[in-house]
Amino acid sequence: MKRKGAAVLLALLGLLCLGGCVQEEQESKYHLYYLSEEESRVVAEDYTPQASRETELAQEFLDKLTEEPQEGLKPLLPSGVGVNSTSLSDKVLNLDMNSAYLEMDSTREILTRAGLVRTFTQISDISAVTITVNGTALKNADGTAVGRMTQESFVENSGKQINDYKYISMNLYFADGTGEKLVSENRSLYYSSNVPLERVVVEQLIKGPQEAGHLATLPAETKILGVSLSDNICYVNLDSAFEGEVAGVQPKATVYSIVNTLVSVCGVDEVQLSVNGDTKVEFRDEIELDQFFESDPQMLQEEGNG
């Protein structure tokens, strides 16, 4: 079954990347993905492929999915789980898995999703992955279809243990083209229950928008020093990079992109911001941070404008 899937993928990629070769010097590094022995995280191992063309690299990755790794790691696909077939359209790869795929427990299955996505999106002609099981779309625990997944769909877990993975579809607020108002951008992802949702939200804001016409509100180099919740107030402590200017974006839009998003997604009442633990800060010489911020609906761009 696995060989059949590999052959199909090989043929499909052959049509899209004729002559596309993996350079001998390996300017870009590839990885193989495994699970940690306790099945709590995905582990990347440096990999130098045997393939000289990306068409062959796709087949090579397929063959490695069940290969026994070094001691202390587990293969991405457990025994009995395999690929029925593959198809590729508009840079979206569909992996049709056999019924054994659904027998994995929920945490392992989502880790496997992450590993599959990261494996195949290393190939330049694949930007996203979808999964079906015997031709039926894979579904989340709430019954919604998983749909296409990219590397951005999975939040890294910095801890050693995972209690559970959670799925969320949330609206993040970034700046509009004027840099003065906020616009909503939907993002769906999986994150470990070990990671507070409030921290996930701020991390996603730092990553910036994905839609055209939306402007980042936080400097990309901003580091999160701490996020905590008490009495339904979210305390966000960022490093000094947070105070850096963002081209074309007003300070008020930066502050309320955090506040409005946290209130909307996490249901908190208020947000307090600090820089290196200090709230006695005049943010970009305009906004005193020594206060509790409530959501401001007037910051939202009116529908039909912009």
C-alpha atoms as a PDB file:
ATOM      1  CA  MET A   1       0.000   0.000   0.000  1.00  0.00           C
ATOM      2  CA  LYS A   2       2.774   2.407   0.934  1.00  0.00           C
ATOM      3  CA  ARG A   3       4.627   1.711  -2.307  1.00  0.00           C
ATOM      4  CA  LYS A   4       1.462   2.435  -4.277  1.00  0.00           C
ATOM      5  CA  GLY A   5       1.165   5.843  -2.593  1.00  0.00           C
ATOM      6  CA  ALA A   6       4.806   6.589  -3.252  1.00  0.00           C
ATOM      7  CA  ALA A   7       4.432   5.757  -6.932  1.00  0.00           C
ATOM      8  CA  VAL A   8       1.436   8.050  -7.311  1.00  0.00           C
ATOM      9  CA  LEU A   9       3.168  10.925  -5.583  1.00  0.00           C
ATOM     10  CA  LEU A  10       6.261  10.356  -7.675  1.00  0.00           C
ATOM     11  CA  ALA A  11       4.245  10.643 -10.867  1.00  0.00           C
ATOM     12  CA  LEU A  12       2.388  13.750  -9.716  1.00  0.00           C
ATOM     13  CA  LEU A  13       5.498  15.598  -8.661  1.00  0.00           C
ATOM     14  CA  GLY A  14       7.171  14.572 -11.880  1.00  0.00           C
ATOM     15  CA  LEU A  15       4.638  16.658 -13.775  1.00  0.00           C
ATOM     16  CA  LEU A  16       5.193  19.723 -11.610  1.00  0.00           C
ATOM     17  CA  CYS A  17       8.936  19.768 -11.067  1.00  0.00           C
ATOM     18  CA  LEU A  18      10.459  18.404 -14.234  1.00  0.00           C
ATOM     19  CA  GLY A  19      14.178  18.471 -13.828  1.00  0.00           C
ATOM     20  CA  GLY A  20      13.993  19.984 -10.343  1.00  0.00           C
ATOM     21  CA  CYS A  21      17.050  18.705  -8.533  1.00  0.00           C
ATOM     22  CA  VAL A  22      18.211  18.593  -4.934  1.00  0.00           C
ATOM     23  CA  GLN A  23      21.594  20.329  -5.085  1.00  0.00           C
ATOM     24  CA  GLU A  24      24.573  18.158  -4.305  1.00  0.00           C
ATOM     25  CA  GLU A  25      25.958  20.592  -1.758  1.00  0.00           C
ATOM     26  CA  GLN A  26      22.631  20.561   0.148  1.00  0.00           C
ATOM     27  CA  GLU A  27      22.359  24.335   0.551  1.00  0.00           C
ATOM     28  CA  SER A  28      19.053  23.834   2.387  1.00  0.00           C
ATOM     29  CA  LYS A  29      18.950  21.276   5.156  1.00  0.00           C
ATOM     30  CA  TYR A  30      16.238  18.611   5.239  1.00  0.00           C
ATOM     31  CA  HIS A  31      14.841  16.803   8.248  1.00  0.00           C
ATOM     32  CA  LEU A  32      13.163  13.536   9.062  1.00  0.00           C
ATOM     33  CA  TYR A  33      10.516  13.686  11.757  1.00  0.00           C
ATOM     34  CA  TYR A  34       9.931  11.168  14.546  1.00  0.00           C
ATOM     35  CA  LEU A  35       8.082  11.028  17.844  1.00  0.00           C
ATOM     36  CA  SER A  36       9.835  11.141  21.183  1.00  0.00           C
ATOM     37  CA  GLU A  37       9.816   7.835  23.062  1.00  0.00           C
ATOM     38  CA  GLU A  38       7.046   9.060  25.401  1.00  0.00           C
ATOM     39  CA  GLU A  39       5.059  10.280  22.356  1.00  0.00           C
ATOM     40  CA  SER A  40       4.892  13.822  23.731  1.00  0.00           C
ATOM     41  CA  ARG A  41       6.496  15.791  20.909  1.00  0.00           C
ATOM     42  CA  VAL A  42       7.767  15.710  17.336  1.00  0.00           C
ATOM     43  CA  VAL A  43      11.545  15.447  16.993  1.00  0.00           C
ATOM     44  CA  ALA A  44      13.449  16.678  13.922  1.00  0.00           C
ATOM     45  CA  GLU A  45      16.642  14.922  12.856  1.00  0.00           C
ATOM     46  CA  ASP A  46      18.990  16.354  10.234  1.00  0.00           C
ATOM     47  CA  TYR A  47      18.798  14.373   7.027  1.00  0.00           C
ATOM     48  CA  THR A  48      20.869  14.296   3.855  1.00  0.00           C
ATOM     49  CA  PRO A  49      18.718  12.655   1.170  1.00  0.00           C
ATOM     50  CA  GLN A  50      19.923  10.078  -1.278  1.00  0.00           C
ATOM     51  CA  ALA A  51      17.665  11.580  -3.938  1.00  0.00           C
ATOM     52  CA  SER A  52      19.048  13.895  -6.578  1.00  0.00           C
ATOM     53  CA  ARG A  53      15.620  15.189  -7.656  1.00  0.00           C
ATOM     54  CA  GLU A  54      12.682  16.416  -5.630  1.00  0.00           C
ATOM     55  CA  THR A  55      10.441  13.812  -7.266  1.00  0.00           C
ATOM     56  CA  GLU A  56      12.642  11.137  -5.748  1.00  0.00           C
ATOM     57  CA  LEU A  57      12.829  13.045  -2.465  1.00  0.00           C
ATOM     58  CA  ALA A  58       9.037  12.776  -2.098  1.00  0.00           C
ATOM     59  CA  GLN A  59       9.237   9.008  -2.475  1.00  0.00           C
ATOM     60  CA  GLU A  60      12.168   8.878  -0.084  1.00  0.00           C
ATOM     61  CA  PHE A  61      10.150  10.697   2.578  1.00  0.00           C
ATOM     62  CA  LEU A  62       7.244   8.306   2.101  1.00  0.00           C
ATOM     63  CA  ASP A  63       9.525   5.332   2.588  1.00  0.00           C
ATOM     64  CA  LYS A  64      10.905   6.835   5.814  1.00  0.00           C
ATOM     65  CA  LEU A  65       7.516   7.278   7.531  1.00  0.00           C
ATOM     66  CA  THR A  66       7.585   3.815   9.138  1.00  0.00           C
ATOM     67  CA  GLU A  67      11.335   3.324   9.324  1.00  0.00           C
ATOM     68  CA  GLU A  68      12.667   2.470  12.788  1.00  0.00           C
ATOM     69  CA  PRO A  69      14.715   5.440  14.045  1.00  0.00           C
ATOM     70  CA  GLN A  70      17.555   5.553  16.540  1.00  0.00           C
ATOM     71  CA  GLU A  71      17.016   4.512  20.134  1.00  0.00           C
ATOM     72  CA  GLY A  72      14.804   6.887  22.096  1.00  0.00           C
ATOM     73  CA  LEU A  73      12.606   7.802  19.132  1.00  0.00           C
ATOM     74  CA  LYS A  74       9.585   6.258  17.446  1.00  0.00           C
ATOM     75  CA  PRO A  75       8.597   6.242  13.761  1.00  0.00           C
ATOM     76  CA  LEU A  76       6.077   8.842  12.660  1.00  0.00           C
ATOM     77  CA  LEU A  77       3.597   6.141  11.606  1.00  0.00           C
ATOM     78  CA  PRO A  78       3.097   3.218  14.004  1.00  0.00           C
ATOM     79  CA  SER A  79       2.911  -0.362  12.817  1.00  0.00           C
ATOM     80  CA  GLY A  80      -0.147  -0.996  10.675  1.00  0.00           C
ATOM     81  CA  VAL A  81      -0.739   2.641   9.695  1.00  0.00           C
ATOM     82  CA  GLY A  82      -0.022   3.340   6.061  1.00  0.00           C
ATOM     83  CA  VAL A  83      -0.713   5.542   3.061  1.00  0.00           C
ATOM     84  CA  ASN A  84      -3.344   4.258   0.629  1.00  0.00           C
ATOM     85  CA  SER A  85      -2.734   6.862  -2.050  1.00  0.00           C
ATOM     86  CA  THR A  86      -1.682  10.437  -2.645  1.00  0.00           C
ATOM     87  CA  SER A  87      -2.792  13.293  -4.871  1.00  0.00           C
ATOM     88  CA  LEU A  88      -1.425  16.746  -5.510  1.00  0.00           C
ATOM     89  CA  SER A  89      -3.351  19.818  -6.678  1.00  0.00           C
ATOM     90  CA  ASP A  90      -2.397  23.499  -6.509  1.00  0.00           C
ATOM     91  CA  LYS A  91       0.541  22.667  -4.216  1.00  0.00           C
ATOM     92  CA  VAL A  92      -1.763  20.914  -1.722  1.00  0.00           C
ATOM     93  CA  LEU A  93      -0.825  17.285  -1.079  1.00  0.00           C
ATOM     94  CA  ASN A  94      -3.560  14.912   0.065  1.00  0.00           C
ATOM     95  CA  LEU A  95      -2.520  11.816   1.972  1.00  0.00           C
ATOM     96  CA  ASP A  96      -5.217   9.152   2.050  1.00  0.00           C
ATOM     97  CA  MET A  97      -4.484   6.951   5.057  1.00  0.00           C
ATOM     98  CA  ASN A  98      -5.764   3.472   5.856  1.00  0.00           C
ATOM     99  CA  SER A  99      -8.336   2.848   8.598  1.00  0.00           C
ATOM    100  CA  ALA A 100      -5.626   2.041  11.175  1.00  0.00           C
ATOM    101  CA  TYR A 101      -4.832   5.767  11.221  1.00  0.00           C
ATOM    102  CA  LEU A 102      -7.973   6.381  13.291  1.00  0.00           C
ATOM    103  CA  GLU A 103      -6.852   3.869  15.919  1.00  0.00           C
ATOM    104  CA  MET A 104      -4.128   6.193  17.206  1.00  0.00           C
ATOM    105  CA  ASP A 105      -4.957   8.092  20.396  1.00  0.00           C
ATOM    106  CA  SER A 106      -5.727  11.777  19.925  1.00  0.00           C
ATOM    107  CA  THR A 107      -2.370  13.168  21.086  1.00  0.00           C
ATOM    108  CA  ARG A 108      -0.329  10.814  18.926  1.00  0.00           C
ATOM    109  CA  GLU A 109      -2.580  11.440  15.936  1.00  0.00           C
ATOM    110  CA  ILE A 110      -2.133  15.212  16.118  1.00  0.00           C
ATOM    111  CA  LEU A 111       1.618  14.841  16.583  1.00  0.00           C
ATOM    112  CA  THR A 112       1.588  12.587  13.524  1.00  0.00           C
ATOM    113  CA  ARG A 113      -0.308  15.273  11.596  1.00  0.00           C
ATOM    114  CA  ALA A 114       2.358  17.793  12.541  1.00  0.00           C
ATOM    115  CA  GLY A 115       5.156  15.437  11.466  1.00  0.00           C
ATOM    116  CA  LEU A 116       3.510  14.659   8.127  1.00  0.00           C
ATOM    117  CA  VAL A 117       2.963  18.329   7.354  1.00  0.00           C
ATOM    118  CA  ARG A 118       6.516  19.269   8.260  1.00  0.00           C
ATOM    119  CA  THR A 119       7.914  16.362   6.283  1.00  0.00           C
ATOM    120  CA  PHE A 120       6.233  17.055   2.975  1.00  0.00           C
ATOM    121  CA  THR A 121       6.161  20.850   3.024  1.00  0.00           C
ATOM    122  CA  GLN A 122       9.950  20.724   2.840  1.00  0.00           C
ATOM    123  CA  ILE A 123       9.392  20.012  -0.852  1.00  0.00           C
ATOM    124  CA  SER A 124       9.095  23.232  -2.844  1.00  0.00           C
ATOM    125  CA  ASP A 125       6.018  22.087  -4.806  1.00  0.00           C
ATOM    126  CA  ILE A 126       4.049  21.327  -1.626  1.00  0.00           C
ATOM    127  CA  SER A 127       2.825  24.204   0.542  1.00  0.00           C
ATOM    128  CA  ALA A 128       0.037  22.422   2.456  1.00  0.00           C
ATOM    129  CA  VAL A 129      -1.190  18.943   3.352  1.00  0.00           C
ATOM    130  CA  THR A 130      -4.674  17.476   3.774  1.00  0.00           C
ATOM    131  CA  ILE A 131      -5.469  14.060   5.229  1.00  0.00           C
ATOM    132  CA  THR A 132      -8.285  11.686   4.391  1.00  0.00           C
ATOM    133  CA  VAL A 133      -8.949   8.191   5.736  1.00  0.00           C
ATOM    134  CA  ASN A 134     -10.198   5.746   3.107  1.00  0.00           C
ATOM    135  CA  GLY A 135     -11.388   8.747   1.109  1.00  0.00           C
ATOM    136  CA  THR A 136     -13.218  10.470   3.979  1.00  0.00           C
ATOM    137  CA  ALA A 137     -12.012  13.830   5.268  1.00  0.00           C
ATOM    138  CA  LEU A 138     -10.243  13.692   8.623  1.00  0.00           C
ATOM    139  CA  LYS A 139     -12.243  15.451  11.364  1.00  0.00           C
ATOM    140  CA  ASN A 140     -11.390  17.176  14.615  1.00  0.00           C
ATOM    141  CA  ALA A 141     -12.914  16.032  17.908  1.00  0.00           C
ATOM    142  CA  ASP A 142     -15.740  18.544  17.464  1.00  0.00           C
ATOM    143  CA  GLY A 143     -16.685  17.033  14.111  1.00  0.00           C
ATOM    144  CA  THR A 144     -15.301  19.818  11.917  1.00  0.00           C
ATOM    145  CA  ALA A 145     -13.144  18.878   8.938  1.00  0.00           C
ATOM    146  CA  VAL A 146      -9.419  19.349   9.554  1.00  0.00           C
ATOM    147  CA  GLY A 147      -8.834  20.773   6.079  1.00  0.00           C
ATOM    148  CA  ARG A 148      -5.506  21.928   4.747  1.00  0.00           C
ATOM    149  CA  MET A 149      -2.577  22.264   7.133  1.00  0.00           C
ATOM    150  CA  THR A 150       0.678  24.189   6.841  1.00  0.00           C
ATOM    151  CA  GLN A 151       3.679  24.397   9.133  1.00  0.00           C
ATOM    152  CA  GLU A 152       2.002  27.411  10.751  1.00  0.00           C
ATOM    153  CA  SER A 153      -0.913  25.210  11.849  1.00  0.00           C
ATOM    154  CA  PHE A 154       1.040  23.759  14.759  1.00  0.00           C
ATOM    155  CA  VAL A 155       2.404  25.634  17.763  1.00  0.00           C
ATOM    156  CA  GLU A 156       5.680  24.243  19.069  1.00  0.00           C
ATOM    157  CA  ASN A 157       5.597  22.819  22.572  1.00  0.00           C
ATOM    158  CA  SER A 158       8.611  23.826  24.647  1.00  0.00           C
ATOM    159  CA  GLY A 159       7.828  21.458  27.505  1.00  0.00           C
ATOM    160  CA  LYS A 160       8.651  17.773  27.745  1.00  0.00           C
ATOM    161  CA  GLN A 161       5.160  16.473  28.395  1.00  0.00           C
ATOM    162  CA  ILE A 162       1.843  17.055  26.701  1.00  0.00           C
ATOM    163  CA  ASN A 163      -1.452  16.535  28.478  1.00  0.00           C
ATOM    164  CA  ASP A 164      -3.539  17.039  25.369  1.00  0.00           C
ATOM    165  CA  TYR A 165      -3.673  18.994  22.149  1.00  0.00           C
ATOM    166  CA  LYS A 166      -6.355  21.600  21.647  1.00  0.00           C
ATOM    167  CA  TYR A 167      -7.721  23.002  18.410  1.00  0.00           C
ATOM    168  CA  ILE A 168      -8.827  26.606  18.170  1.00  0.00           C
ATOM    169  CA  SER A 169     -10.168  28.880  15.475  1.00  0.00           C
ATOM    170  CA  MET A 170      -9.649  32.455  16.605  1.00  0.00           C
ATOM    171  CA  ASN A 171      -9.821  36.021  15.339  1.00  0.00           C
ATOM    172  CA  LEU A 172      -6.621  38.026  15.692  1.00  0.00           C
ATOM    173  CA  TYR A 173      -6.527  41.801  15.309  1.00  0.00           C
ATOM    174  CA  PHE A 174      -3.868  43.441  13.161  1.00  0.00           C
ATOM    175  CA  ALA A 175      -3.636  46.958  11.747  1.00  0.00           C
ATOM    176  CA  ASP A 176      -5.443  48.011   8.600  1.00  0.00           C
ATOM    177  CA  GLY A 177      -3.681  49.775   5.731  1.00  0.00           C
ATOM    178  CA  THR A 178      -3.850  53.127   7.494  1.00  0.00           C
ATOM    179  CA  GLY A 179      -2.128  51.763  10.590  1.00  0.00           C
ATOM    180  CA  GLU A 180      -4.789  53.396  12.754  1.00  0.00           C
ATOM    181  CA  LYS A 181      -7.628  50.863  12.890  1.00  0.00           C
ATOM    182  CA  LEU A 182      -7.769  47.112  13.531  1.00  0.00           C
ATOM    183  CA  VAL A 183      -8.914  44.379  11.180  1.00  0.00           C
ATOM    184  CA  SER A 184      -9.809  40.809  12.064  1.00  0.00           C
ATOM    185  CA  GLU A 185      -7.945  37.807  10.673  1.00  0.00           C
ATOM    186  CA  ASN A 186      -9.059  34.256  11.368  1.00  0.00           C
ATOM    187  CA  ARG A 187      -6.416  31.675  12.265  1.00  0.00           C
ATOM    188  CA  SER A 188      -6.858  27.993  13.122  1.00  0.00           C
ATOM    189  CA  LEU A 189      -4.185  25.968  14.853  1.00  0.00           C
ATOM    190  CA  TYR A 190      -3.351  23.208  17.333  1.00  0.00           C
ATOM    191  CA  TYR A 191      -1.551  23.917  20.584  1.00  0.00           C
ATOM    192  CA  SER A 192      -0.544  21.942  23.645  1.00  0.00           C
ATOM    193  CA  SER A 193      -2.726  22.280  26.716  1.00  0.00           C
ATOM    194  CA  ASN A 194       0.562  22.860  28.566  1.00  0.00           C
ATOM    195  CA  VAL A 195       0.735  26.263  26.864  1.00  0.00           C
ATOM    196  CA  PRO A 196      -1.698  28.931  28.150  1.00  0.00           C
ATOM    197  CA  LEU A 197      -4.008  30.120  25.396  1.00  0.00           C
ATOM    198  CA  GLU A 198      -3.182  33.719  26.294  1.00  0.00           C
ATOM    199  CA  ARG A 199       0.469  33.071  25.456  1.00  0.00           C
ATOM    200  CA  VAL A 200      -0.464  31.362  22.180  1.00  0.00           C
ATOM    201  CA  VAL A 201      -2.494  34.433  21.211  1.00  0.00           C
ATOM    202  CA  VAL A 202       0.398  36.839  21.848  1.00  0.00           C
ATOM    203  CA  GLU A 203       2.804  34.538  19.968  1.00  0.00           C
ATOM    204  CA  GLN A 204       0.504  34.576  16.955  1.00  0.00           C
ATOM    205  CA  LEU A 205       0.285  38.376  17.042  1.00  0.00           C
ATOM    206  CA  ILE A 206       4.081  38.583  17.053  1.00  0.00           C
ATOM    207  CA  LYS A 207       4.220  36.286  14.021  1.00  0.00           C
ATOM    208  CA  GLY A 208       2.191  38.887  12.179  1.00  0.00           C
ATOM    209  CA  PRO A 209      -0.671  38.770   9.670  1.00  0.00           C
ATOM    210  CA  GLN A 210      -1.063  36.347   6.798  1.00  0.00           C
ATOM    211  CA  GLU A 211      -3.600  38.287   4.736  1.00  0.00           C
ATOM    212  CA  ALA A 212      -2.776  40.957   2.174  1.00  0.00           C
ATOM    213  CA  GLY A 213      -3.455  44.504   3.307  1.00  0.00           C
ATOM    214  CA  HIS A 214      -3.051  43.708   7.004  1.00  0.00           C
ATOM    215  CA  LEU A 215      -0.098  45.218   8.869  1.00  0.00           C
ATOM    216  CA  ALA A 216       1.887  43.691  11.726  1.00  0.00           C
ATOM    217  CA  THR A 217       1.364  45.534  15.008  1.00  0.00           C
ATOM    218  CA  LEU A 218       4.291  44.169  17.010  1.00  0.00           C
ATOM    219  CA  PRO A 219       7.986  44.093  16.065  1.00  0.00           C
ATOM    220  CA  ALA A 220       8.874  40.564  14.892  1.00  0.00           C
ATOM    221  CA  GLU A 221      11.794  40.405  17.332  1.00  0.00           C
ATOM    222  CA  THR A 222       9.545  40.933  20.380  1.00  0.00           C
ATOM    223  CA  LYS A 223      10.086  38.302  23.084  1.00  0.00           C
ATOM    224  CA  ILE A 224       7.468  37.170  25.587  1.00  0.00           C
ATOM    225  CA  LEU A 225       8.854  37.271  29.128  1.00  0.00           C
ATOM    226  CA  GLY A 226       5.655  36.133  30.783  1.00  0.00           C
ATOM    227  CA  VAL A 227       1.890  35.826  30.395  1.00  0.00           C
ATOM    228  CA  SER A 228      -0.318  35.218  33.427  1.00  0.00           C
ATOM    229  CA  LEU A 229      -3.976  35.387  34.382  1.00  0.00           C
ATOM    230  CA  SER A 230      -5.437  36.526  37.708  1.00  0.00           C
ATOM    231  CA  ASP A 231      -9.001  37.642  38.545  1.00  0.00           C
ATOM    232  CA  ASN A 232      -9.737  37.560  34.807  1.00  0.00           C
ATOM    233  CA  ILE A 233      -7.020  40.118  34.126  1.00  0.00           C
ATOM    234  CA  CYS A 234      -4.314  39.062  31.678  1.00  0.00           C
ATOM    235  CA  TYR A 235      -0.803  40.302  32.488  1.00  0.00           C
ATOM    236  CA  VAL A 236       1.535  40.395  29.486  1.00  0.00           C
ATOM    237  CA  ASN A 237       5.241  41.062  30.061  1.00  0.00           C
ATOM    238  CA  LEU A 238       7.295  41.723  26.916  1.00  0.00           C
ATOM    239  CA  ASP A 239      10.925  42.630  26.388  1.00  0.00           C
ATOM    240  CA  SER A 240      12.130  46.072  25.273  1.00  0.00           C
ATOM    241  CA  ALA A 241      11.848  45.147  21.585  1.00  0.00           C
ATOM    242  CA  PHE A 242       8.095  45.680  22.030  1.00  0.00           C
ATOM    243  CA  GLU A 243       8.745  49.425  22.233  1.00  0.00           C
ATOM    244  CA  GLY A 244      10.278  49.523  18.778  1.00  0.00           C
ATOM    245  CA  GLU A 245       8.320  51.282  16.072  1.00  0.00           C
ATOM    246  CA  VAL A 246       6.376  49.306  13.492  1.00  0.00           C
ATOM    247  CA  ALA A 247       6.373  51.079  10.142  1.00  0.00           C
ATOM    248  CA  GLY A 248       3.077  52.757   9.404  1.00  0.00           C
ATOM    249  CA  VAL A 249       1.332  51.566  12.579  1.00  0.00           C
ATOM    250  CA  GLN A 250       0.174  53.870  15.356  1.00  0.00           C
ATOM    251  CA  PRO A 251       1.025  53.021  19.000  1.00  0.00           C
ATOM    252  CA  LYS A 252      -2.665  52.795  19.908  1.00  0.00           C
ATOM    253  CA  ALA A 253      -3.198  50.147  17.208  1.00  0.00           C
ATOM    254  CA  THR A 254      -0.324  48.115  18.649  1.00  0.00           C
ATOM    255  CA  VAL A 255      -1.698  48.207  22.197  1.00  0.00           C
ATOM    256  CA  TYR A 256      -5.268  47.415  21.234  1.00  0.00           C
ATOM    257  CA  SER A 257      -4.320  44.663  18.831  1.00  0.00           C
ATOM    258  CA  ILE A 258      -3.158  42.795  21.954  1.00  0.00           C
ATOM    259  CA  VAL A 259      -5.994  43.936  24.189  1.00  0.00           C
ATOM    260  CA  ASN A 260      -8.888  43.410  21.785  1.00  0.00           C
ATOM    261  CA  THR A 261      -7.547  40.018  20.695  1.00  0.00           C
ATOM    262  CA  LEU A 262      -7.043  38.693  24.241  1.00  0.00           C
ATOM    263  CA  VAL A 263     -10.489  39.889  25.333  1.00  0.00           C
ATOM    264  CA  SER A 264     -12.130  38.369  22.254  1.00  0.00           C
ATOM    265  CA  VAL A 265     -10.316  35.028  22.184  1.00  0.00           C
ATOM    266  CA  CYS A 266      -9.655  34.363  25.867  1.00  0.00           C
ATOM    267  CA  GLY A 267     -12.634  36.090  27.437  1.00  0.00           C
ATOM    268  CA  VAL A 268     -10.556  38.159  29.849  1.00  0.00           C
ATOM    269  CA  ASP A 269     -11.969  41.439  31.194  1.00  0.00           C
ATOM    270  CA  GLU A 270      -8.828  43.552  31.118  1.00  0.00           C
ATOM    271  CA  VAL A 271      -5.181  43.453  30.046  1.00  0.00           C
ATOM    272  CA  GLN A 272      -2.107  44.991  31.646  1.00  0.00           C
ATOM    273  CA  LEU A 273       1.077  45.364  29.619  1.00  0.00           C
ATOM    274  CA  SER A 274       4.606  45.703  30.954  1.00  0.00           C
ATOM    275  CA  VAL A 275       8.084  46.000  29.477  1.00  0.00           C
ATOM    276  CA  ASN A 276      10.779  43.973  31.217  1.00  0.00           C
ATOM    277  CA  GLY A 277       8.401  43.715  34.161  1.00  0.00           C
ATOM    278  CA  ASP A 278       7.896  47.474  34.438  1.00  0.00           C
ATOM    279  CA  THR A 279       4.471  49.057  33.950  1.00  0.00           C
ATOM    280  CA  LYS A 280       5.802  52.600  34.544  1.00  0.00           C
ATOM    281  CA  VAL A 281       6.361  52.969  30.826  1.00  0.00           C
ATOM    282  CA  GLU A 282       5.158  55.594  28.381  1.00  0.00           C
ATOM    283  CA  PHE A 283       4.771  53.378  25.337  1.00  0.00           C
ATOM    284  CA  ARG A 284       6.338  55.077  22.307  1.00  0.00           C
ATOM    285  CA  ASP A 285       5.948  58.392  24.146  1.00  0.00           C
ATOM    286  CA  GLU A 286       2.164  58.261  23.794  1.00  0.00           C
ATOM    287  CA  ILE A 287       0.444  55.644  25.993  1.00  0.00           C
ATOM    288  CA  GLU A 288       0.917  55.070  29.717  1.00  0.00           C
ATOM    289  CA  LEU A 289       1.030  51.308  30.321  1.00  0.00           C
ATOM    290  CA  ASP A 290       0.372  51.653  34.047  1.00  0.00           C
ATOM    291  CA  GLN A 291      -3.339  50.937  33.659  1.00  0.00           C
ATOM    292  CA  PHE A 292      -5.766  48.131  32.923  1.00  0.00           C
ATOM    293  CA  PHE A 293      -6.912  48.174  29.306  1.00  0.00           C
ATOM    294  CA  GLU A 294     -10.393  47.123  28.278  1.00  0.00           C
ATOM    295  CA  SER A 295     -11.384  46.182  24.743  1.00  0.00           C
ATOM    296  CA  ASP A 296     -12.090  49.202  22.552  1.00  0.00           C
ATOM    297  CA  PRO A 297     -14.645  48.449  19.794  1.00  0.00           C
ATOM    298  CA  GLN A 298     -13.999  51.876  18.262  1.00  0.00           C
ATOM    299  CA  MET A 299     -10.580  50.650  17.212  1.00  0.00           C
ATOM    300  CA  LEU A 300     -12.152  48.209  14.786  1.00  0.00           C
ATOM    301  CA  GLN A 301     -12.336  49.172  11.148  1.00  0.00           C
ATOM    302  CA  GLU A 302     -15.929  49.678  10.076  1.00  0.00           C
ATOM    303  CA  GLU A 303     -17.196  47.135   7.539  1.00  0.00           C
ATOM    304  CA  GLY A 304     -16.878  48.387   4.003  1.00  0.00           C
ATOM    305  CA  ASN A 305     -14.021  50.790   4.851  1.00  0.00           C
ATOM    306  CA  GLY A 306     -10.333  50.326   4.175  1.00  0.00           C
END
